[in-house]
Amino acid sequence: MWGRKRKDADAERPSEQPPQRLRDALRKARVDQAERSAVVVDLHDAEVARLELLNEALDPLFEEVPKEVDLFDRGISRGETPRLWIDAIAHVGMGPDKRVYRFLQETRYGRKVLAESVNVPEIVHAVTKYLAQRLLERERALADGLAPGARDLKHEMRSERRQRRRRALTAFVFGVLVGIASLIAAALIFGPKP
């Protein structure tokens, strides 16, 4: 067609590579996948190793925590994203580039970044500050005799009790006034006629 001969089209094809066999293509895909997964495993192991270094740097700090204080439960979780847990709500993880330590705290409004650094001593300082704050909160709670949440709950219960008393008193007064008004109305309706 268009003046082109079949021989010209066949002459161009030999320069292209012949199609591979499916078995060879599968083998090549498996090798590529194994190389990629090996890189991911190496990155994961490097993350865990960096967190273990930080954990060792925190050993002297946690030896100073009194034995009777059970607020802190330090350990490394080796899941998909490894973390060094300080307590139930705070942990150290690695940043997106896998070199930066991120000290995070879970709050009711979401995660809060307490510190972020490449240097281990800076993260150790941030964890030290966090532990001191948590120990002070514990001391205050023990001195007051109540946990911080319990104080708020006690205050709420008192104010709710006051509101119920006011509603009950208002309903009683309203009932008395309606009763008196209905007695007067009944006396006017059914009373002696002049």
N, C-alpha and C. Protein backbone atom coordinates (compact mmCIF):
# COMPACT_ATOMS: atom_id res chain seq x y z
N MET A 1 0.84 -1.16 0.00
CA MET A 1 0.00 0.00 0.00
C MET A 1 0.89 1.22 0.00
N TRP A 2 0.48 2.26 -0.58
CA TRP A 2 1.18 3.53 -0.71
C TRP A 2 2.58 3.35 -1.29
N GLY A 3 2.73 2.41 -2.08
CA GLY A 3 3.98 2.23 -2.77
C GLY A 3 5.04 1.51 -1.94
N ARG A 4 4.70 1.06 -0.81
CA ARG A 4 5.66 0.37 0.04
C ARG A 4 5.50 -1.12 -0.17
N LYS A 5 6.61 -1.79 -0.25
CA LYS A 5 6.54 -3.21 -0.52
C LYS A 5 6.70 -3.99 0.77
N ARG A 6 6.26 -5.19 0.74
CA ARG A 6 6.30 -6.09 1.90
C ARG A 6 7.74 -6.36 2.32
N LYS A 7 8.64 -6.43 1.39
CA LYS A 7 10.03 -6.72 1.71
C LYS A 7 10.65 -5.62 2.56
N ASP A 8 10.27 -4.36 2.32
CA ASP A 8 10.82 -3.26 3.11
C ASP A 8 10.39 -3.36 4.57
N ALA A 9 9.16 -3.75 4.82
CA ALA A 9 8.66 -3.88 6.18
C ALA A 9 9.37 -5.03 6.88
N ASP A 10 9.60 -6.13 6.18
CA ASP A 10 10.31 -7.26 6.79
C ASP A 10 11.77 -6.92 7.05
N ALA A 11 12.35 -6.07 6.25
CA ALA A 11 13.76 -5.70 6.41
C ALA A 11 13.96 -4.87 7.67
N GLU A 12 12.94 -4.08 8.10
CA GLU A 12 13.06 -3.25 9.30
C GLU A 12 12.93 -4.07 10.58
N ARG A 13 12.21 -5.13 10.62
CA ARG A 13 11.94 -5.92 11.82
C ARG A 13 13.16 -6.61 12.40
N PRO A 14 14.09 -7.11 11.64
CA PRO A 14 15.20 -7.81 12.26
C PRO A 14 16.02 -6.93 13.20
N SER A 15 15.99 -5.60 13.06
CA SER A 15 16.73 -4.74 13.97
C SER A 15 16.12 -4.75 15.37
N GLU A 16 14.81 -5.03 15.51
CA GLU A 16 14.15 -5.14 16.81
C GLU A 16 14.54 -6.47 17.45
N GLN A 17 14.47 -6.53 18.83
CA GLN A 17 14.79 -7.78 19.50
C GLN A 17 13.64 -8.75 19.34
N PRO A 18 13.97 -10.00 19.19
CA PRO A 18 12.89 -10.99 19.11
C PRO A 18 12.20 -11.10 20.47
N PRO A 19 10.92 -11.40 20.50
CA PRO A 19 10.20 -11.48 21.77
C PRO A 19 10.81 -12.57 22.66
N GLN A 20 10.90 -12.26 23.98
CA GLN A 20 11.47 -13.21 24.92
C GLN A 20 10.44 -14.28 25.25
N ARG A 21 10.95 -15.36 25.71
CA ARG A 21 10.04 -16.41 26.14
C ARG A 21 9.48 -16.02 27.50
N LEU A 22 8.31 -16.49 27.80
CA LEU A 22 7.63 -16.15 29.05
C LEU A 22 8.45 -16.59 30.26
N ARG A 23 9.06 -17.73 30.18
CA ARG A 23 9.85 -18.25 31.30
C ARG A 23 11.03 -17.30 31.60
N ASP A 24 11.68 -16.80 30.55
CA ASP A 24 12.79 -15.87 30.75
C ASP A 24 12.31 -14.55 31.35
N ALA A 25 11.16 -14.08 30.89
CA ALA A 25 10.60 -12.84 31.41
C ALA A 25 10.22 -12.98 32.89
N LEU A 26 9.63 -14.11 33.27
CA LEU A 26 9.28 -14.36 34.67
C LEU A 26 10.53 -14.42 35.54
N ARG A 27 11.55 -15.08 35.05
CA ARG A 27 12.81 -15.18 35.80
C ARG A 27 13.40 -13.79 36.03
N LYS A 28 13.41 -12.97 35.00
CA LYS A 28 13.95 -11.62 35.12
C LYS A 28 13.10 -10.79 36.10
N ALA A 29 11.77 -10.92 36.05
CA ALA A 29 10.89 -10.19 36.97
C ALA A 29 11.13 -10.62 38.41
N ARG A 30 11.34 -11.92 38.63
CA ARG A 30 11.60 -12.42 39.99
C ARG A 30 12.93 -11.87 40.53
N VAL A 31 13.94 -11.84 39.68
CA VAL A 31 15.24 -11.31 40.10
C VAL A 31 15.10 -9.83 40.46
N ASP A 32 14.39 -9.06 39.64
CA ASP A 32 14.19 -7.63 39.92
C ASP A 32 13.44 -7.43 41.24
N GLN A 33 12.40 -8.25 41.44
CA GLN A 33 11.61 -8.14 42.67
C GLN A 33 12.45 -8.51 43.89
N ALA A 34 13.28 -9.51 43.78
CA ALA A 34 14.15 -9.91 44.89
C ALA A 34 15.14 -8.81 45.23
N GLU A 35 15.67 -8.15 44.22
CA GLU A 35 16.60 -7.05 44.47
C GLU A 35 15.90 -5.90 45.17
N ARG A 36 14.67 -5.58 44.73
CA ARG A 36 13.92 -4.50 45.37
C ARG A 36 13.59 -4.85 46.81
N SER A 37 13.14 -6.08 47.07
CA SER A 37 12.77 -6.47 48.43
C SER A 37 14.01 -6.52 49.32
N ALA A 38 15.17 -6.88 48.77
CA ALA A 38 16.40 -6.89 49.56
C ALA A 38 16.75 -5.47 49.99
N VAL A 39 16.53 -4.50 49.11
CA VAL A 39 16.80 -3.11 49.46
C VAL A 39 15.85 -2.65 50.56
N VAL A 40 14.57 -3.03 50.47
CA VAL A 40 13.59 -2.65 51.48
C VAL A 40 13.95 -3.28 52.82
N VAL A 41 14.35 -4.55 52.82
CA VAL A 41 14.74 -5.23 54.05
C VAL A 41 15.98 -4.56 54.65
N ASP A 42 16.94 -4.19 53.80
CA ASP A 42 18.14 -3.51 54.29
C ASP A 42 17.78 -2.17 54.93
N LEU A 43 16.86 -1.41 54.32
CA LEU A 43 16.42 -0.14 54.91
C LEU A 43 15.74 -0.36 56.25
N HIS A 44 14.90 -1.37 56.32
CA HIS A 44 14.18 -1.69 57.56
C HIS A 44 15.18 -2.07 58.65
N ASP A 45 16.15 -2.90 58.31
CA ASP A 45 17.17 -3.30 59.29
C ASP A 45 18.00 -2.10 59.74
N ALA A 46 18.29 -1.19 58.82
CA ALA A 46 19.05 0.01 59.19
C ALA A 46 18.24 0.88 60.14
N GLU A 47 16.93 0.98 59.92
CA GLU A 47 16.05 1.75 60.81
C GLU A 47 16.06 1.16 62.21
N VAL A 48 15.92 -0.17 62.29
CA VAL A 48 15.91 -0.84 63.58
C VAL A 48 17.26 -0.65 64.28
N ALA A 49 18.35 -0.73 63.53
CA ALA A 49 19.68 -0.55 64.11
C ALA A 49 19.85 0.86 64.68
N ARG A 50 19.35 1.87 63.98
CA ARG A 50 19.45 3.25 64.48
C ARG A 50 18.63 3.41 65.76
N LEU A 51 17.45 2.79 65.80
CA LEU A 51 16.62 2.87 67.00
C LEU A 51 17.28 2.12 68.17
N GLU A 52 17.97 1.03 67.88
CA GLU A 52 18.68 0.31 68.94
C GLU A 52 19.82 1.15 69.50
N LEU A 53 20.49 1.92 68.65
CA LEU A 53 21.54 2.82 69.13
C LEU A 53 20.95 3.87 70.08
N LEU A 54 19.81 4.42 69.71
CA LEU A 54 19.15 5.40 70.58
C LEU A 54 18.71 4.74 71.88
N ASN A 55 18.21 3.53 71.80
CA ASN A 55 17.77 2.79 72.98
C ASN A 55 18.94 2.59 73.95
N GLU A 56 20.10 2.25 73.43
CA GLU A 56 21.28 2.10 74.27
C GLU A 56 21.70 3.44 74.89
N ALA A 57 21.55 4.52 74.14
CA ALA A 57 21.89 5.84 74.67
C ALA A 57 20.93 6.26 75.78
N LEU A 58 19.72 5.70 75.79
CA LEU A 58 18.73 6.04 76.82
C LEU A 58 18.87 5.18 78.08
N ASP A 59 19.70 4.14 78.05
CA ASP A 59 19.85 3.26 79.21
C ASP A 59 20.20 4.00 80.49
N PRO A 60 21.22 4.89 80.50
CA PRO A 60 21.54 5.60 81.76
C PRO A 60 20.38 6.44 82.29
N LEU A 61 19.60 7.01 81.39
CA LEU A 61 18.46 7.83 81.79
C LEU A 61 17.41 6.98 82.49
N PHE A 62 17.09 5.84 81.93
CA PHE A 62 16.04 5.00 82.51
C PHE A 62 16.50 4.29 83.78
N GLU A 63 17.82 4.19 84.00
CA GLU A 63 18.30 3.62 85.25
C GLU A 63 18.04 4.58 86.41
N GLU A 64 17.92 5.87 86.12
CA GLU A 64 17.66 6.87 87.15
C GLU A 64 16.18 6.94 87.55
N VAL A 65 15.30 6.39 86.74
CA VAL A 65 13.87 6.41 87.06
C VAL A 65 13.64 5.48 88.25
N PRO A 66 12.93 5.95 89.29
CA PRO A 66 12.68 5.10 90.46
C PRO A 66 11.97 3.80 90.06
N LYS A 67 12.31 2.73 90.75
CA LYS A 67 11.78 1.39 90.42
C LYS A 67 10.27 1.30 90.65
N GLU A 68 9.73 2.08 91.60
CA GLU A 68 8.29 1.99 91.89
C GLU A 68 7.43 2.71 90.85
N VAL A 69 8.05 3.49 89.99
CA VAL A 69 7.32 4.21 88.93
C VAL A 69 7.17 3.27 87.74
N ASP A 70 5.93 2.99 87.42
CA ASP A 70 5.68 2.07 86.29
C ASP A 70 4.99 2.79 85.12
N LEU A 71 5.31 4.05 84.95
CA LEU A 71 4.73 4.84 83.85
C LEU A 71 5.35 4.48 82.51
N PHE A 72 6.61 4.09 82.51
CA PHE A 72 7.35 3.95 81.27
C PHE A 72 7.56 2.48 80.94
N ASP A 73 7.35 2.16 79.68
CA ASP A 73 7.54 0.80 79.20
C ASP A 73 8.30 0.88 77.88
N ARG A 74 9.60 0.93 77.98
CA ARG A 74 10.46 1.16 76.82
C ARG A 74 10.69 -0.14 76.07
N GLY A 75 10.64 -0.06 74.74
CA GLY A 75 10.91 -1.22 73.91
C GLY A 75 10.78 -0.87 72.44
N ILE A 76 11.40 -1.69 71.60
CA ILE A 76 11.36 -1.46 70.16
C ILE A 76 10.34 -2.40 69.54
N SER A 77 9.40 -1.83 68.79
CA SER A 77 8.48 -2.66 68.01
C SER A 77 9.05 -2.75 66.60
N ARG A 78 9.14 -3.95 66.08
CA ARG A 78 9.80 -4.18 64.80
C ARG A 78 8.80 -4.44 63.69
N GLY A 79 7.70 -3.76 63.69
CA GLY A 79 6.68 -3.94 62.67
C GLY A 79 7.09 -3.33 61.34
N GLU A 80 6.10 -3.01 60.54
CA GLU A 80 6.36 -2.41 59.23
C GLU A 80 7.11 -1.09 59.38
N THR A 81 6.70 -0.30 60.38
CA THR A 81 7.44 0.92 60.71
C THR A 81 7.97 0.75 62.12
N PRO A 82 9.26 0.49 62.28
CA PRO A 82 9.83 0.27 63.62
C PRO A 82 9.74 1.53 64.47
N ARG A 83 9.49 1.32 65.77
CA ARG A 83 9.38 2.44 66.71
C ARG A 83 10.03 2.06 68.02
N LEU A 84 10.60 3.05 68.68
CA LEU A 84 11.11 2.89 70.04
C LEU A 84 10.09 3.54 70.97
N TRP A 85 9.36 2.71 71.70
CA TRP A 85 8.31 3.21 72.58
C TRP A 85 8.91 3.64 73.91
N ILE A 86 8.54 4.82 74.36
CA ILE A 86 8.96 5.34 75.65
C ILE A 86 7.92 4.99 76.70
N ASP A 87 6.67 5.23 76.38
CA ASP A 87 5.53 4.80 77.19
C ASP A 87 4.37 4.54 76.25
N ALA A 88 3.17 4.45 76.78
CA ALA A 88 2.03 4.07 75.95
C ALA A 88 1.64 5.14 74.93
N ILE A 89 2.05 6.39 75.15
CA ILE A 89 1.62 7.46 74.25
C ILE A 89 2.76 8.17 73.54
N ALA A 90 4.00 7.83 73.84
CA ALA A 90 5.12 8.51 73.20
C ALA A 90 6.09 7.49 72.61
N HIS A 91 6.59 7.80 71.43
CA HIS A 91 7.54 6.91 70.77
C HIS A 91 8.47 7.70 69.86
N VAL A 92 9.58 7.06 69.52
CA VAL A 92 10.53 7.63 68.58
C VAL A 92 10.48 6.78 67.33
N GLY A 93 10.29 7.43 66.20
CA GLY A 93 10.30 6.76 64.91
C GLY A 93 11.28 7.46 64.00
N MET A 94 11.47 6.89 62.84
CA MET A 94 12.38 7.50 61.89
C MET A 94 11.57 8.36 60.92
N GLY A 95 12.16 9.46 60.49
CA GLY A 95 11.51 10.35 59.54
C GLY A 95 11.44 9.73 58.16
N PRO A 96 10.85 10.44 57.22
CA PRO A 96 10.70 9.91 55.87
C PRO A 96 12.02 9.57 55.18
N ASP A 97 13.09 10.30 55.52
CA ASP A 97 14.37 10.03 54.87
C ASP A 97 15.19 8.97 55.62
N LYS A 98 14.65 8.41 56.70
CA LYS A 98 15.25 7.32 57.47
C LYS A 98 16.56 7.70 58.18
N ARG A 99 16.87 8.98 58.26
CA ARG A 99 18.05 9.44 59.00
C ARG A 99 17.65 10.28 60.19
N VAL A 100 16.47 10.86 60.15
CA VAL A 100 16.02 11.80 61.18
C VAL A 100 15.18 11.05 62.21
N TYR A 101 15.54 11.23 63.49
CA TYR A 101 14.72 10.69 64.58
C TYR A 101 13.56 11.65 64.82
N ARG A 102 12.36 11.09 65.00
CA ARG A 102 11.18 11.91 65.30
C ARG A 102 10.57 11.40 66.60
N PHE A 103 10.56 12.26 67.62
CA PHE A 103 9.97 11.93 68.92
C PHE A 103 8.54 12.43 68.90
N LEU A 104 7.58 11.51 68.94
CA LEU A 104 6.17 11.84 68.78
C LEU A 104 5.37 11.46 70.02
N GLN A 105 4.31 12.21 70.26
CA GLN A 105 3.37 11.90 71.34
C GLN A 105 1.96 11.85 70.76
N GLU A 106 1.24 10.83 71.12
CA GLU A 106 -0.16 10.71 70.69
C GLU A 106 -1.02 11.52 71.65
N THR A 107 -1.84 12.42 71.12
CA THR A 107 -2.77 13.19 71.94
C THR A 107 -4.18 12.95 71.43
N ARG A 108 -5.15 13.49 72.12
CA ARG A 108 -6.52 13.28 71.64
C ARG A 108 -6.81 14.07 70.37
N TYR A 109 -5.91 14.99 70.01
CA TYR A 109 -6.08 15.78 68.80
C TYR A 109 -5.17 15.30 67.66
N GLY A 110 -4.45 14.21 67.87
CA GLY A 110 -3.56 13.68 66.85
C GLY A 110 -2.13 13.62 67.36
N ARG A 111 -1.22 13.32 66.46
CA ARG A 111 0.19 13.21 66.85
C ARG A 111 0.82 14.59 66.98
N LYS A 112 1.68 14.70 67.98
CA LYS A 112 2.40 15.94 68.24
C LYS A 112 3.89 15.62 68.19
N VAL A 113 4.64 16.36 67.39
CA VAL A 113 6.09 16.16 67.28
C VAL A 113 6.75 16.91 68.43
N LEU A 114 7.40 16.16 69.33
CA LEU A 114 8.08 16.77 70.46
C LEU A 114 9.51 17.17 70.11
N ALA A 115 10.15 16.39 69.26
CA ALA A 115 11.52 16.71 68.83
C ALA A 115 11.81 15.99 67.53
N GLU A 116 12.71 16.59 66.76
CA GLU A 116 13.11 16.00 65.49
C GLU A 116 14.56 16.38 65.24
N SER A 117 15.42 15.35 65.09
CA SER A 117 16.83 15.64 64.92
C SER A 117 17.56 14.44 64.32
N VAL A 118 18.72 14.71 63.75
CA VAL A 118 19.59 13.66 63.23
C VAL A 118 20.50 13.16 64.34
N ASN A 119 20.72 13.98 65.35
CA ASN A 119 21.66 13.67 66.43
C ASN A 119 20.98 12.95 67.58
N VAL A 120 21.62 11.89 68.05
CA VAL A 120 21.09 11.11 69.17
C VAL A 120 21.05 11.94 70.46
N PRO A 121 22.09 12.72 70.79
CA PRO A 121 22.03 13.49 72.05
C PRO A 121 20.84 14.46 72.14
N GLU A 122 20.43 15.04 71.03
CA GLU A 122 19.28 15.94 71.05
C GLU A 122 17.99 15.19 71.38
N ILE A 123 17.86 14.00 70.83
CA ILE A 123 16.65 13.20 71.11
C ILE A 123 16.70 12.71 72.56
N VAL A 124 17.88 12.34 73.05
CA VAL A 124 18.01 11.93 74.46
C VAL A 124 17.60 13.09 75.36
N HIS A 125 18.00 14.31 75.03
CA HIS A 125 17.61 15.48 75.82
C HIS A 125 16.08 15.67 75.80
N ALA A 126 15.47 15.51 74.64
CA ALA A 126 14.01 15.66 74.53
C ALA A 126 13.30 14.57 75.35
N VAL A 127 13.79 13.35 75.30
CA VAL A 127 13.18 12.26 76.08
C VAL A 127 13.37 12.53 77.57
N THR A 128 14.53 13.06 77.96
CA THR A 128 14.77 13.40 79.36
C THR A 128 13.75 14.44 79.84
N LYS A 129 13.53 15.45 79.05
CA LYS A 129 12.56 16.50 79.38
C LYS A 129 11.15 15.90 79.49
N TYR A 130 10.81 15.02 78.57
CA TYR A 130 9.49 14.38 78.59
C TYR A 130 9.31 13.53 79.85
N LEU A 131 10.32 12.74 80.21
CA LEU A 131 10.24 11.91 81.41
C LEU A 131 10.07 12.77 82.65
N ALA A 132 10.79 13.89 82.72
CA ALA A 132 10.67 14.78 83.87
C ALA A 132 9.25 15.33 83.99
N GLN A 133 8.66 15.73 82.86
CA GLN A 133 7.29 16.25 82.89
C GLN A 133 6.30 15.19 83.34
N ARG A 134 6.47 13.98 82.83
CA ARG A 134 5.56 12.89 83.22
C ARG A 134 5.70 12.55 84.71
N LEU A 135 6.92 12.58 85.23
CA LEU A 135 7.13 12.30 86.66
C LEU A 135 6.51 13.39 87.52
N LEU A 136 6.59 14.65 87.08
CA LEU A 136 5.96 15.74 87.83
C LEU A 136 4.44 15.60 87.83
N GLU A 137 3.87 15.24 86.68
CA GLU A 137 2.42 15.02 86.61
C GLU A 137 2.00 13.92 87.57
N ARG A 138 2.80 12.88 87.64
CA ARG A 138 2.50 11.76 88.55
C ARG A 138 2.54 12.22 90.00
N GLU A 139 3.57 13.01 90.36
CA GLU A 139 3.68 13.51 91.73
C GLU A 139 2.50 14.39 92.11
N ARG A 140 2.10 15.27 91.20
CA ARG A 140 0.94 16.14 91.47
C ARG A 140 -0.33 15.32 91.66
N ALA A 141 -0.51 14.33 90.82
CA ALA A 141 -1.70 13.49 90.93
C ALA A 141 -1.72 12.73 92.26
N LEU A 142 -0.56 12.23 92.68
CA LEU A 142 -0.49 11.53 93.95
C LEU A 142 -0.70 12.48 95.13
N ALA A 143 -0.21 13.71 95.02
CA ALA A 143 -0.37 14.69 96.09
C ALA A 143 -1.84 15.11 96.24
N ASP A 144 -2.54 15.24 95.12
CA ASP A 144 -3.95 15.62 95.17
C ASP A 144 -4.83 14.44 95.56
N GLY A 145 -4.31 13.26 95.43
CA GLY A 145 -5.10 12.08 95.75
C GLY A 145 -5.97 11.61 94.61
N LEU A 146 -5.96 12.32 93.52
CA LEU A 146 -6.77 11.97 92.37
C LEU A 146 -5.94 12.06 91.10
N ALA A 147 -6.33 11.29 90.16
CA ALA A 147 -5.71 11.41 88.84
C ALA A 147 -6.22 12.69 88.18
N PRO A 148 -5.46 13.28 87.23
CA PRO A 148 -5.90 14.54 86.60
C PRO A 148 -7.28 14.44 85.95
N GLY A 149 -7.60 13.35 85.34
CA GLY A 149 -8.91 13.18 84.71
C GLY A 149 -10.02 13.05 85.74
N ALA A 150 -9.70 12.47 86.90
CA ALA A 150 -10.72 12.27 87.93
C ALA A 150 -11.15 13.60 88.53
N ARG A 151 -10.21 14.57 88.64
CA ARG A 151 -10.58 15.89 89.17
C ARG A 151 -11.62 16.54 88.27
N ASP A 152 -11.40 16.49 86.97
CA ASP A 152 -12.35 17.07 86.03
C ASP A 152 -13.69 16.36 86.12
N LEU A 153 -13.67 15.06 86.27
CA LEU A 153 -14.89 14.28 86.36
C LEU A 153 -15.66 14.63 87.63
N LYS A 154 -14.95 14.82 88.74
CA LYS A 154 -15.59 15.18 90.00
C LYS A 154 -16.26 16.54 89.88
N HIS A 155 -15.59 17.50 89.25
CA HIS A 155 -16.15 18.83 89.05
C HIS A 155 -17.41 18.75 88.17
N GLU A 156 -17.36 17.97 87.12
CA GLU A 156 -18.52 17.81 86.24
C GLU A 156 -19.70 17.20 86.99
N MET A 157 -19.43 16.22 87.82
CA MET A 157 -20.52 15.57 88.56
C MET A 157 -21.18 16.55 89.53
N ARG A 158 -20.39 17.40 90.20
CA ARG A 158 -20.96 18.40 91.11
C ARG A 158 -21.85 19.38 90.36
N SER A 159 -21.36 19.89 89.23
CA SER A 159 -22.16 20.86 88.48
C SER A 159 -23.42 20.20 87.92
N GLU A 160 -23.33 18.96 87.54
CA GLU A 160 -24.53 18.26 87.03
C GLU A 160 -25.55 18.06 88.15
N ARG A 161 -25.08 17.74 89.35
CA ARG A 161 -25.97 17.59 90.50
C ARG A 161 -26.68 18.89 90.82
N ARG A 162 -25.95 20.01 90.76
CA ARG A 162 -26.56 21.33 91.00
C ARG A 162 -27.64 21.63 89.98
N GLN A 163 -27.37 21.32 88.71
CA GLN A 163 -28.36 21.57 87.66
C GLN A 163 -29.61 20.73 87.88
N ARG A 164 -29.46 19.48 88.30
CA ARG A 164 -30.63 18.64 88.56
C ARG A 164 -31.45 19.19 89.72
N ARG A 165 -30.77 19.68 90.77
CA ARG A 165 -31.50 20.27 91.91
C ARG A 165 -32.28 21.51 91.47
N ARG A 166 -31.63 22.37 90.66
CA ARG A 166 -32.32 23.56 90.17
C ARG A 166 -33.54 23.19 89.34
N ARG A 167 -33.39 22.23 88.45
CA ARG A 167 -34.54 21.80 87.63
C ARG A 167 -35.67 21.26 88.50
N ALA A 168 -35.30 20.44 89.50
CA ALA A 168 -36.33 19.88 90.39
C ALA A 168 -37.04 20.99 91.16
N LEU A 169 -36.29 21.96 91.68
CA LEU A 169 -36.89 23.07 92.42
C LEU A 169 -37.78 23.92 91.51
N THR A 170 -37.32 24.17 90.29
CA THR A 170 -38.11 24.94 89.33
C THR A 170 -39.41 24.20 89.00
N ALA A 171 -39.31 22.89 88.79
CA ALA A 171 -40.52 22.10 88.49
C ALA A 171 -41.48 22.12 89.67
N PHE A 172 -40.96 22.04 90.89
CA PHE A 172 -41.82 22.06 92.08
C PHE A 172 -42.55 23.40 92.21
N VAL A 173 -41.81 24.51 92.06
CA VAL A 173 -42.42 25.84 92.16
C VAL A 173 -43.45 26.02 91.06
N PHE A 174 -43.13 25.60 89.84
CA PHE A 174 -44.08 25.70 88.73
C PHE A 174 -45.33 24.87 89.03
N GLY A 175 -45.17 23.68 89.58
CA GLY A 175 -46.31 22.83 89.93
C GLY A 175 -47.19 23.45 90.99
N VAL A 176 -46.57 24.07 92.00
CA VAL A 176 -47.34 24.74 93.07
C VAL A 176 -48.14 25.90 92.48
N LEU A 177 -47.52 26.72 91.62
CA LEU A 177 -48.22 27.85 91.01
C LEU A 177 -49.37 27.38 90.13
N VAL A 178 -49.15 26.33 89.35
CA VAL A 178 -50.23 25.79 88.49
C VAL A 178 -51.35 25.23 89.37
N GLY A 179 -51.00 24.58 90.47
CA GLY A 179 -52.01 24.03 91.39
C GLY A 179 -52.86 25.14 92.00
N ILE A 180 -52.23 26.21 92.46
CA ILE A 180 -52.96 27.33 93.05
C ILE A 180 -53.85 27.98 92.00
N ALA A 181 -53.32 28.17 90.79
CA ALA A 181 -54.11 28.78 89.72
C ALA A 181 -55.31 27.89 89.37
N SER A 182 -55.11 26.57 89.35
CA SER A 182 -56.23 25.68 89.01
C SER A 182 -57.29 25.67 90.14
N LEU A 183 -56.88 25.76 91.41
CA LEU A 183 -57.83 25.84 92.52
C LEU A 183 -58.66 27.13 92.45
N ILE A 184 -58.02 28.23 92.15
CA ILE A 184 -58.74 29.50 92.02
C ILE A 184 -59.70 29.44 90.86
N ALA A 185 -59.25 28.87 89.73
CA ALA A 185 -60.14 28.75 88.56
C ALA A 185 -61.32 27.84 88.88
N ALA A 186 -61.07 26.72 89.58
CA ALA A 186 -62.16 25.81 89.95
C ALA A 186 -63.13 26.49 90.91
N ALA A 187 -62.60 27.28 91.85
CA ALA A 187 -63.47 27.97 92.81
C ALA A 187 -64.34 29.00 92.09
N LEU A 188 -63.79 29.69 91.11
CA LEU A 188 -64.57 30.68 90.37
C LEU A 188 -65.64 30.02 89.51
N ILE A 189 -65.29 28.87 88.93
CA ILE A 189 -66.25 28.19 88.04
C ILE A 189 -67.34 27.49 88.83
N PHE A 190 -66.94 26.73 89.83
CA PHE A 190 -67.89 25.89 90.58
C PHE A 190 -68.38 26.55 91.87
N GLY A 191 -67.93 27.70 92.17
CA GLY A 191 -68.28 28.35 93.42
C GLY A 191 -69.74 28.84 93.39
N PRO A 192 -70.27 29.37 94.55
CA PRO A 192 -71.64 29.85 94.61
C PRO A 192 -71.85 31.03 93.65
N LYS A 193 -73.02 31.00 93.05
CA LYS A 193 -73.37 32.05 92.08
C LYS A 193 -74.05 33.18 92.85
N PRO A 194 -73.78 34.46 92.61
CA PRO A 194 -74.43 35.53 93.33
C PRO A 194 -75.80 35.87 92.84
